[in-house]
Amino acid sequence: MYIVQNTIKISDLRKNTNEIIEEVEKADQPITVFSRSEPKIIIMSCKTYKKLKEPEKLNTKGIDFFINPPEGFLIKEKGLDAVKLIREERN
């Protein structure tokens, strides 16, 4: 009712906060809030936010990612595993 093409006016948000929150949850997509014809903020449901954060489940923090990379990141050509060779050299 208030959300049109994933956008909403800030005046509608102020007047009808509860209804808009329900619409945002149903839309399951981020909604842009406009003030004076300019985008100001994005609001989204927790479900949508969690979907956006899912790819970060890989351990990509610090040097551990390079020492023990996930199997999908290993590049193996012609039987040569560079990561394995480097690990052997370090020991």
PDB file of N, CA and C in Angstrom:
ATOM      1  N   MET A   1       0.813  -1.194   0.000  1.00  0.00           N
ATOM      2  CA  MET A   1       0.000   0.000   0.000  1.00  0.00           C
ATOM      3  C   MET A   1       0.860   1.263   0.000  1.00  0.00           C
ATOM      4  N   TYR A   2       1.915   1.283   0.798  1.00  0.00           N
ATOM      5  CA  TYR A   2       2.775   2.462   0.869  1.00  0.00           C
ATOM      6  C   TYR A   2       4.020   2.309   0.013  1.00  0.00           C
ATOM      7  N   ILE A   3       4.451   1.076  -0.209  1.00  0.00           N
ATOM      8  CA  ILE A   3       5.684   0.819  -0.947  1.00  0.00           C
ATOM      9  C   ILE A   3       5.379   0.727  -2.435  1.00  0.00           C
ATOM     10  N   VAL A   4       6.071   1.538  -3.231  1.00  0.00           N
ATOM     11  CA  VAL A   4       5.896   1.541  -4.678  1.00  0.00           C
ATOM     12  C   VAL A   4       7.268   1.326  -5.304  1.00  0.00           C
ATOM     13  N   GLN A   5       7.421   0.258  -6.063  1.00  0.00           N
ATOM     14  CA  GLN A   5       8.669  -0.086  -6.743  1.00  0.00           C
ATOM     15  C   GLN A   5       9.861  -0.047  -5.773  1.00  0.00           C
ATOM     16  N   ASN A   6       9.687  -0.670  -4.620  1.00  0.00           N
ATOM     17  CA  ASN A   6      10.716  -0.781  -3.585  1.00  0.00           C
ATOM     18  C   ASN A   6      11.195   0.572  -3.073  1.00  0.00           C
ATOM     19  N   THR A   7      10.318   1.575  -3.107  1.00  0.00           N
ATOM     20  CA  THR A   7      10.637   2.887  -2.551  1.00  0.00           C
ATOM     21  C   THR A   7       9.471   3.355  -1.690  1.00  0.00           C
ATOM     22  N   ILE A   8       9.787   4.281  -0.806  1.00  0.00           N
ATOM     23  CA  ILE A   8       8.756   4.838   0.068  1.00  0.00           C
ATOM     24  C   ILE A   8       9.158   6.261   0.457  1.00  0.00           C
ATOM     25  N   LYS A   9       8.167   7.094   0.703  1.00  0.00           N
ATOM     26  CA  LYS A   9       8.441   8.462   1.144  1.00  0.00           C
ATOM     27  C   LYS A   9       8.621   8.461   2.657  1.00  0.00           C
ATOM     28  N   ILE A  10       9.512   9.316   3.133  1.00  0.00           N
ATOM     29  CA  ILE A  10       9.780   9.377   4.569  1.00  0.00           C
ATOM     30  C   ILE A  10       8.555   9.848   5.341  1.00  0.00           C
ATOM     31  N   SER A  11       7.723  10.678   4.720  1.00  0.00           N
ATOM     32  CA  SER A  11       6.509  11.138   5.393  1.00  0.00           C
ATOM     33  C   SER A  11       5.560   9.970   5.653  1.00  0.00           C
ATOM     34  N   ASP A  12       5.467   9.024   4.699  1.00  0.00           N
ATOM     35  CA  ASP A  12       4.648   7.832   4.922  1.00  0.00           C
ATOM     36  C   ASP A  12       5.218   6.977   6.036  1.00  0.00           C
ATOM     37  N   LEU A  13       6.539   6.888   6.076  1.00  0.00           N
ATOM     38  CA  LEU A  13       7.186   6.105   7.129  1.00  0.00           C
ATOM     39  C   LEU A  13       6.884   6.687   8.505  1.00  0.00           C
ATOM     40  N   ARG A  14       6.920   7.993   8.615  1.00  0.00           N
ATOM     41  CA  ARG A  14       6.626   8.648   9.896  1.00  0.00           C
ATOM     42  C   ARG A  14       5.187   8.395  10.337  1.00  0.00           C
ATOM     43  N   LYS A  15       4.261   8.499   9.399  1.00  0.00           N
ATOM     44  CA  LYS A  15       2.835   8.397   9.737  1.00  0.00           C
ATOM     45  C   LYS A  15       2.371   6.962   9.955  1.00  0.00           C
ATOM     46  N   ASN A  16       2.950   6.001   9.238  1.00  0.00           N
ATOM     47  CA  ASN A  16       2.421   4.640   9.222  1.00  0.00           C
ATOM     48  C   ASN A  16       3.510   3.602   9.471  1.00  0.00           C
ATOM     49  N   THR A  17       4.303   3.810  10.476  1.00  0.00           N
ATOM     50  CA  THR A  17       5.474   2.973  10.725  1.00  0.00           C
ATOM     51  C   THR A  17       5.128   1.493  10.848  1.00  0.00           C
ATOM     52  N   ASN A  18       4.158   1.144  11.658  1.00  0.00           N
ATOM     53  CA  ASN A  18       3.826  -0.268  11.879  1.00  0.00           C
ATOM     54  C   ASN A  18       3.379  -0.965  10.595  1.00  0.00           C
ATOM     55  N   GLU A  19       2.512  -0.310   9.823  1.00  0.00           N
ATOM     56  CA  GLU A  19       2.043  -0.907   8.578  1.00  0.00           C
ATOM     57  C   GLU A  19       3.187  -1.088   7.586  1.00  0.00           C
ATOM     58  N   ILE A  20       4.072  -0.115   7.537  1.00  0.00           N
ATOM     59  CA  ILE A  20       5.199  -0.185   6.606  1.00  0.00           C
ATOM     60  C   ILE A  20       6.168  -1.282   7.004  1.00  0.00           C
ATOM     61  N   ILE A  21       6.390  -1.445   8.296  1.00  0.00           N
ATOM     62  CA  ILE A  21       7.253  -2.537   8.767  1.00  0.00           C
ATOM     63  C   ILE A  21       6.685  -3.875   8.299  1.00  0.00           C
ATOM     64  N   GLU A  22       5.385  -4.054   8.413  1.00  0.00           N
ATOM     65  CA  GLU A  22       4.750  -5.285   7.947  1.00  0.00           C
ATOM     66  C   GLU A  22       4.939  -5.463   6.435  1.00  0.00           C
ATOM     67  N   GLU A  23       4.806  -4.376   5.674  1.00  0.00           N
ATOM     68  CA  GLU A  23       4.986  -4.458   4.224  1.00  0.00           C
ATOM     69  C   GLU A  23       6.429  -4.809   3.861  1.00  0.00           C
ATOM     70  N   VAL A  24       7.377  -4.247   4.593  1.00  0.00           N
ATOM     71  CA  VAL A  24       8.795  -4.537   4.336  1.00  0.00           C
ATOM     72  C   VAL A  24       9.077  -6.012   4.583  1.00  0.00           C
ATOM     73  N   GLU A  25       8.523  -6.562   5.662  1.00  0.00           N
ATOM     74  CA  GLU A  25       8.708  -7.984   5.958  1.00  0.00           C
ATOM     75  C   GLU A  25       8.100  -8.852   4.854  1.00  0.00           C
ATOM     76  N   LYS A  26       6.946  -8.473   4.349  1.00  0.00           N
ATOM     77  CA  LYS A  26       6.298  -9.241   3.285  1.00  0.00           C
ATOM     78  C   LYS A  26       7.055  -9.120   1.971  1.00  0.00           C
ATOM     79  N   ALA A  27       7.580  -7.934   1.675  1.00  0.00           N
ATOM     80  CA  ALA A  27       8.282  -7.708   0.410  1.00  0.00           C
ATOM     81  C   ALA A  27       9.558  -8.534   0.337  1.00  0.00           C
ATOM     82  N   ASP A  28      10.194  -8.786   1.462  1.00  0.00           N
ATOM     83  CA  ASP A  28      11.410  -9.591   1.529  1.00  0.00           C
ATOM     84  C   ASP A  28      12.508  -9.030   0.611  1.00  0.00           C
ATOM     85  N   GLN A  29      12.534  -7.709   0.445  1.00  0.00           N
ATOM     86  CA  GLN A  29      13.543  -7.014  -0.344  1.00  0.00           C
ATOM     87  C   GLN A  29      13.856  -5.688   0.343  1.00  0.00           C
ATOM     88  N   PRO A  30      15.060  -5.170   0.145  1.00  0.00           N
ATOM     89  CA  PRO A  30      15.375  -3.848   0.704  1.00  0.00           C
ATOM     90  C   PRO A  30      14.476  -2.767   0.104  1.00  0.00           C
ATOM     91  N   ILE A  31      14.108  -1.792   0.917  1.00  0.00           N
ATOM     92  CA  ILE A  31      13.244  -0.694   0.497  1.00  0.00           C
ATOM     93  C   ILE A  31      14.013   0.612   0.693  1.00  0.00           C
ATOM     94  N   THR A  32      14.019   1.468  -0.309  1.00  0.00           N
ATOM     95  CA  THR A  32      14.695   2.761  -0.228  1.00  0.00           C
ATOM     96  C   THR A  32      13.728   3.813   0.279  1.00  0.00           C
ATOM     97  N   VAL A  33      14.159   4.570   1.292  1.00  0.00           N
ATOM     98  CA  VAL A  33      13.336   5.639   1.850  1.00  0.00           C
ATOM     99  C   VAL A  33      13.836   6.965   1.276  1.00  0.00           C
ATOM    100  N   PHE A  34      12.917   7.709   0.668  1.00  0.00           N
ATOM    101  CA  PHE A  34      13.253   8.988   0.050  1.00  0.00           C
ATOM    102  C   PHE A  34      12.774  10.147   0.903  1.00  0.00           C
ATOM    103  N   SER A  35      13.579  11.205   0.932  1.00  0.00           N
ATOM    104  CA  SER A  35      13.206  12.458   1.572  1.00  0.00           C
ATOM    105  C   SER A  35      13.561  13.573   0.600  1.00  0.00           C
ATOM    106  N   ARG A  36      12.575  14.379   0.243  1.00  0.00           N
ATOM    107  CA  ARG A  36      12.769  15.465  -0.717  1.00  0.00           C
ATOM    108  C   ARG A  36      13.368  14.959  -2.028  1.00  0.00           C
ATOM    109  N   SER A  37      12.836  13.874  -2.510  1.00  0.00           N
ATOM    110  CA  SER A  37      13.228  13.259  -3.788  1.00  0.00           C
ATOM    111  C   SER A  37      14.652  12.724  -3.814  1.00  0.00           C
ATOM    112  N   GLU A  38      15.266  12.551  -2.651  1.00  0.00           N
ATOM    113  CA  GLU A  38      16.608  11.984  -2.577  1.00  0.00           C
ATOM    114  C   GLU A  38      16.585  10.738  -1.701  1.00  0.00           C
ATOM    115  N   PRO A  39      17.260   9.675  -2.113  1.00  0.00           N
ATOM    116  CA  PRO A  39      17.335   8.480  -1.264  1.00  0.00           C
ATOM    117  C   PRO A  39      18.133   8.783  -0.005  1.00  0.00           C
ATOM    118  N   LYS A  40      17.585   8.387   1.147  1.00  0.00           N
ATOM    119  CA  LYS A  40      18.239   8.673   2.423  1.00  0.00           C
ATOM    120  C   LYS A  40      18.722   7.411   3.131  1.00  0.00           C
ATOM    121  N   ILE A  41      17.857   6.392   3.203  1.00  0.00           N
ATOM    122  CA  ILE A  41      18.223   5.153   3.892  1.00  0.00           C
ATOM    123  C   ILE A  41      17.606   3.962   3.172  1.00  0.00           C
ATOM    124  N   ILE A  42      18.096   2.802   3.535  1.00  0.00           N
ATOM    125  CA  ILE A  42      17.534   1.540   3.056  1.00  0.00           C
ATOM    126  C   ILE A  42      17.039   0.790   4.287  1.00  0.00           C
ATOM    127  N   ILE A  43      15.822   0.282   4.232  1.00  0.00           N
ATOM    128  CA  ILE A  43      15.338  -0.566   5.312  1.00  0.00           C
ATOM    129  C   ILE A  43      15.046  -1.945   4.740  1.00  0.00           C
ATOM    130  N   MET A  44      15.258  -2.960   5.571  1.00  0.00           N
ATOM    131  CA  MET A  44      15.009  -4.332   5.124  1.00  0.00           C
ATOM    132  C   MET A  44      14.646  -5.190   6.321  1.00  0.00           C
ATOM    133  N   SER A  45      14.022  -6.309   6.034  1.00  0.00           N
ATOM    134  CA  SER A  45      13.660  -7.246   7.089  1.00  0.00           C
ATOM    135  C   SER A  45      14.915  -7.975   7.566  1.00  0.00           C
ATOM    136  N   CYS A  46      14.851  -8.540   8.747  1.00  0.00           N
ATOM    137  CA  CYS A  46      15.966  -9.336   9.263  1.00  0.00           C
ATOM    138  C   CYS A  46      16.243 -10.528   8.357  1.00  0.00           C
ATOM    139  N   LYS A  47      15.203 -11.110   7.805  1.00  0.00           N
ATOM    140  CA  LYS A  47      15.344 -12.254   6.902  1.00  0.00           C
ATOM    141  C   LYS A  47      16.176 -11.865   5.669  1.00  0.00           C
ATOM    142  N   THR A  48      15.880 -10.709   5.094  1.00  0.00           N
ATOM    143  CA  THR A  48      16.634 -10.224   3.938  1.00  0.00           C
ATOM    144  C   THR A  48      18.075  -9.933   4.312  1.00  0.00           C
ATOM    145  N   TYR A  49      18.275  -9.329   5.469  1.00  0.00           N
ATOM    146  CA  TYR A  49      19.625  -9.013   5.928  1.00  0.00           C
ATOM    147  C   TYR A  49      20.452 -10.287   6.100  1.00  0.00           C
ATOM    148  N   LYS A  50      19.853 -11.309   6.679  1.00  0.00           N
ATOM    149  CA  LYS A  50      20.573 -12.573   6.870  1.00  0.00           C
ATOM    150  C   LYS A  50      20.957 -13.195   5.534  1.00  0.00           C
ATOM    151  N   LYS A  51      20.080 -13.073   4.532  1.00  0.00           N
ATOM    152  CA  LYS A  51      20.408 -13.587   3.196  1.00  0.00           C
ATOM    153  C   LYS A  51      21.630 -12.871   2.625  1.00  0.00           C
ATOM    154  N   LEU A  52      21.722 -11.582   2.856  1.00  0.00           N
ATOM    155  CA  LEU A  52      22.856 -10.812   2.356  1.00  0.00           C
ATOM    156  C   LEU A  52      24.152 -11.180   3.075  1.00  0.00           C
ATOM    157  N   LYS A  53      24.063 -11.589   4.329  1.00  0.00           N
ATOM    158  CA  LYS A  53      25.242 -11.907   5.116  1.00  0.00           C
ATOM    159  C   LYS A  53      25.717 -13.341   4.930  1.00  0.00           C
ATOM    160  N   GLU A  54      24.932 -14.219   4.312  1.00  0.00           N
ATOM    161  CA  GLU A  54      25.284 -15.637   4.183  1.00  0.00           C
ATOM    162  C   GLU A  54      26.628 -15.899   3.528  1.00  0.00           C
ATOM    163  N   PRO A  55      26.998 -15.216   2.438  1.00  0.00           N
ATOM    164  CA  PRO A  55      28.294 -15.525   1.822  1.00  0.00           C
ATOM    165  C   PRO A  55      29.497 -15.307   2.735  1.00  0.00           C
ATOM    166  N   GLU A  56      29.339 -14.565   3.810  1.00  0.00           N
ATOM    167  CA  GLU A  56      30.445 -14.298   4.716  1.00  0.00           C
ATOM    168  C   GLU A  56      30.711 -15.461   5.667  1.00  0.00           C
ATOM    169  N   LYS A  57      30.030 -16.576   5.505  1.00  0.00           N
ATOM    170  CA  LYS A  57      30.254 -17.718   6.383  1.00  0.00           C
ATOM    171  C   LYS A  57      31.622 -18.352   6.171  1.00  0.00           C
ATOM    172  N   LEU A  58      32.229 -18.148   4.994  1.00  0.00           N
ATOM    173  CA  LEU A  58      33.565 -18.675   4.764  1.00  0.00           C
ATOM    174  C   LEU A  58      34.555 -17.984   5.688  1.00  0.00           C
ATOM    175  N   ASN A  59      35.555 -18.719   6.120  1.00  0.00           N
ATOM    176  CA  ASN A  59      36.581 -18.127   6.964  1.00  0.00           C
ATOM    177  C   ASN A  59      37.561 -17.377   6.072  1.00  0.00           C
ATOM    178  N   THR A  60      37.308 -16.105   5.876  1.00  0.00           N
ATOM    179  CA  THR A  60      38.170 -15.292   5.022  1.00  0.00           C
ATOM    180  C   THR A  60      38.916 -14.260   5.855  1.00  0.00           C
ATOM    181  N   LYS A  61      39.072 -14.532   7.145  1.00  0.00           N
ATOM    182  CA  LYS A  61      39.700 -13.564   8.032  1.00  0.00           C
ATOM    183  C   LYS A  61      41.172 -13.891   8.212  1.00  0.00           C
ATOM    184  N   GLY A  62      41.978 -12.910   7.991  1.00  0.00           N
ATOM    185  CA  GLY A  62      43.387 -13.012   8.308  1.00  0.00           C
ATOM    186  C   GLY A  62      44.152 -14.047   7.512  1.00  0.00           C
ATOM    187  N   ILE A  63      45.298 -14.372   8.039  1.00  0.00           N
ATOM    188  CA  ILE A  63      46.227 -15.252   7.344  1.00  0.00           C
ATOM    189  C   ILE A  63      45.744 -16.705   7.323  1.00  0.00           C
ATOM    190  N   ASP A  64      44.848 -17.082   8.229  1.00  0.00           N
ATOM    191  CA  ASP A  64      44.357 -18.460   8.263  1.00  0.00           C
ATOM    192  C   ASP A  64      43.707 -18.844   6.939  1.00  0.00           C
ATOM    193  N   PHE A  65      43.094 -17.894   6.262  1.00  0.00           N
ATOM    194  CA  PHE A  65      42.473 -18.172   4.969  1.00  0.00           C
ATOM    195  C   PHE A  65      43.524 -18.618   3.961  1.00  0.00           C
ATOM    196  N   PHE A  66      44.715 -18.034   4.041  1.00  0.00           N
ATOM    197  CA  PHE A  66      45.776 -18.376   3.092  1.00  0.00           C
ATOM    198  C   PHE A  66      46.523 -19.643   3.490  1.00  0.00           C
ATOM    199  N   ILE A  67      46.576 -19.925   4.788  1.00  0.00           N
ATOM    200  CA  ILE A  67      47.260 -21.132   5.251  1.00  0.00           C
ATOM    201  C   ILE A  67      46.368 -22.355   5.068  1.00  0.00           C
ATOM    202  N   ASN A  68      45.092 -22.217   5.396  1.00  0.00           N
ATOM    203  CA  ASN A  68      44.127 -23.323   5.271  1.00  0.00           C
ATOM    204  C   ASN A  68      42.917 -22.881   4.448  1.00  0.00           C
ATOM    205  N   PRO A  69      43.092 -22.660   3.147  1.00  0.00           N
ATOM    206  CA  PRO A  69      41.957 -22.186   2.351  1.00  0.00           C
ATOM    207  C   PRO A  69      40.918 -23.277   2.164  1.00  0.00           C
ATOM    208  N   PRO A  70      39.642 -22.892   1.968  1.00  0.00           N
ATOM    209  CA  PRO A  70      38.620 -23.889   1.645  1.00  0.00           C
ATOM    210  C   PRO A  70      39.000 -24.614   0.360  1.00  0.00           C
ATOM    211  N   GLU A  71      38.619 -25.864   0.253  1.00  0.00           N
ATOM    212  CA  GLU A  71      39.006 -26.707  -0.886  1.00  0.00           C
ATOM    213  C   GLU A  71      38.628 -26.071  -2.222  1.00  0.00           C
ATOM    214  N   GLY A  72      37.506 -25.370  -2.274  1.00  0.00           N
ATOM    215  CA  GLY A  72      37.068 -24.753  -3.522  1.00  0.00           C
ATOM    216  C   GLY A  72      37.986 -23.654  -4.020  1.00  0.00           C
ATOM    217  N   PHE A  73      38.835 -23.111  -3.153  1.00  0.00           N
ATOM    218  CA  PHE A  73      39.734 -22.041  -3.545  1.00  0.00           C
ATOM    219  C   PHE A  73      41.090 -22.555  -4.032  1.00  0.00           C
ATOM    220  N   LEU A  74      41.341 -23.838  -3.873  1.00  0.00           N
ATOM    221  CA  LEU A  74      42.622 -24.392  -4.307  1.00  0.00           C
ATOM    222  C   LEU A  74      42.622 -24.538  -5.823  1.00  0.00           C
ATOM    223  N   ILE A  75      43.688 -24.106  -6.442  1.00  0.00           N
ATOM    224  CA  ILE A  75      43.836 -24.236  -7.891  1.00  0.00           C
ATOM    225  C   ILE A  75      44.827 -25.358  -8.145  1.00  0.00           C
ATOM    226  N   LYS A  76      44.337 -26.380  -8.793  1.00  0.00           N
ATOM    227  CA  LYS A  76      45.182 -27.542  -9.059  1.00  0.00           C
ATOM    228  C   LYS A  76      45.295 -27.708 -10.563  1.00  0.00           C
ATOM    229  N   GLU A  77      46.505 -27.559 -11.088  1.00  0.00           N
ATOM    230  CA  GLU A  77      46.732 -27.743 -12.511  1.00  0.00           C
ATOM    231  C   GLU A  77      47.797 -28.797 -12.725  1.00  0.00           C
ATOM    232  N   LYS A  78      47.531 -29.700 -13.613  1.00  0.00           N
ATOM    233  CA  LYS A  78      48.483 -30.724 -14.002  1.00  0.00           C
ATOM    234  C   LYS A  78      49.082 -31.431 -12.788  1.00  0.00           C
ATOM    235  N   GLY A  79      48.248 -31.695 -11.798  1.00  0.00           N
ATOM    236  CA  GLY A  79      48.696 -32.441 -10.625  1.00  0.00           C
ATOM    237  C   GLY A  79      49.523 -31.639  -9.646  1.00  0.00           C
ATOM    238  N   LEU A  80      49.698 -30.349  -9.877  1.00  0.00           N
ATOM    239  CA  LEU A  80      50.510 -29.511  -8.997  1.00  0.00           C
ATOM    240  C   LEU A  80      49.586 -28.774  -8.040  1.00  0.00           C
ATOM    241  N   ASP A  81      49.814 -28.932  -6.745  1.00  0.00           N
ATOM    242  CA  ASP A  81      49.051 -28.232  -5.718  1.00  0.00           C
ATOM    243  C   ASP A  81      50.013 -27.265  -5.034  1.00  0.00           C
ATOM    244  N   ALA A  82      49.989 -26.006  -5.466  1.00  0.00           N
ATOM    245  CA  ALA A  82      50.938 -25.016  -4.969  1.00  0.00           C
ATOM    246  C   ALA A  82      50.815 -24.818  -3.462  1.00  0.00           C
ATOM    247  N   VAL A  83      49.600 -24.812  -2.940  1.00  0.00           N
ATOM    248  CA  VAL A  83      49.404 -24.620  -1.502  1.00  0.00           C
ATOM    249  C   VAL A  83      50.044 -25.768  -0.736  1.00  0.00           C
ATOM    250  N   LYS A  84      49.868 -26.980  -1.210  1.00  0.00           N
ATOM    251  CA  LYS A  84      50.467 -28.143  -0.550  1.00  0.00           C
ATOM    252  C   LYS A  84      51.984 -28.041  -0.570  1.00  0.00           C
ATOM    253  N   LEU A  85      52.551 -27.631  -1.692  1.00  0.00           N
ATOM    254  CA  LEU A  85      54.017 -27.479  -1.793  1.00  0.00           C
ATOM    255  C   LEU A  85      54.528 -26.414  -0.827  1.00  0.00           C
ATOM    256  N   ILE A  86      53.823 -25.318  -0.733  1.00  0.00           N
ATOM    257  CA  ILE A  86      54.227 -24.253   0.197  1.00  0.00           C
ATOM    258  C   ILE A  86      54.168 -24.743   1.625  1.00  0.00           C
ATOM    259  N   ARG A  87      53.093 -25.459   1.982  1.00  0.00           N
ATOM    260  CA  ARG A  87      52.977 -26.017   3.331  1.00  0.00           C
ATOM    261  C   ARG A  87      54.133 -26.966   3.650  1.00  0.00           C
ATOM    262  N   GLU A  88      54.500 -27.800   2.687  1.00  0.00           N
ATOM    263  CA  GLU A  88      55.615 -28.731   2.886  1.00  0.00           C
ATOM    264  C   GLU A  88      56.928 -27.968   3.093  1.00  0.00           C
ATOM    265  N   GLU A  89      57.110 -26.896   2.364  1.00  0.00           N
ATOM    266  CA  GLU A  89      58.333 -26.089   2.485  1.00  0.00           C
ATOM    267  C   GLU A  89      58.409 -25.412   3.844  1.00  0.00           C
ATOM    268  N   ARG A  90      57.277 -25.024   4.388  1.00  0.00           N
ATOM    269  CA  ARG A  90      57.266 -24.344   5.695  1.00  0.00           C
ATOM    270  C   ARG A  90      57.618 -25.295   6.821  1.00  0.00           C
ATOM    271  N   ASN A  91      57.309 -26.576   6.688  1.00  0.00           N
ATOM    272  CA  ASN A  91      57.566 -27.559   7.754  1.00  0.00           C
ATOM    273  C   ASN A  91      58.954 -28.033   7.676  1.00  0.00           C
TER     274      ASN A  91
END
